[in-house]
Amino acid sequence: MFVRERVFATATIWGVMTGVIAVISSAGSAIPEHDLLPIISILSFAAVLCTRFVWNAKFDMGASANVVQMQSSGKAKRTEGGRVGRLLDALDVDEIEELRSRLEIEDDTEATTFDELLSQYKG
């Protein structure tokens, strides 16, 4: 949940609470005056709890899920061998064998240099 939504939710919570208190206060003789203070206190406490929840909770919505994914990928880039490891994890068995065969020369003892691999790819 972004700040704009949190501000809107907070305004809604406190607007509803103000409206309810106004209606209860204007009820006049329907509610005795000595009962108004506990009711208003309970409503205020509930509004504070709701506001605290809105501002401190971690929401998992579509947009924020993308933010979390971007943050986790940023962290993954900083980890040891992250990008290569993720690439190898994404390959299936056939693709790994193809990669291995491209990196090996006929005698299986000497690895192909990047320039040789690039020239084979372009040629």
Foldseek 3Di string as FASTA:
>chain_A
DDPVVLVVVLCVLVVVLVVVLVVVVVVPPVDDPVVSVVVNVVSVVVSVVVSCCSVPPDDDDDVVVVVVVVVVVVVQVPDPCRPVVVVVVPDDPVVVVVVQVLQADPVRPDGDDPVRSVVVVVD
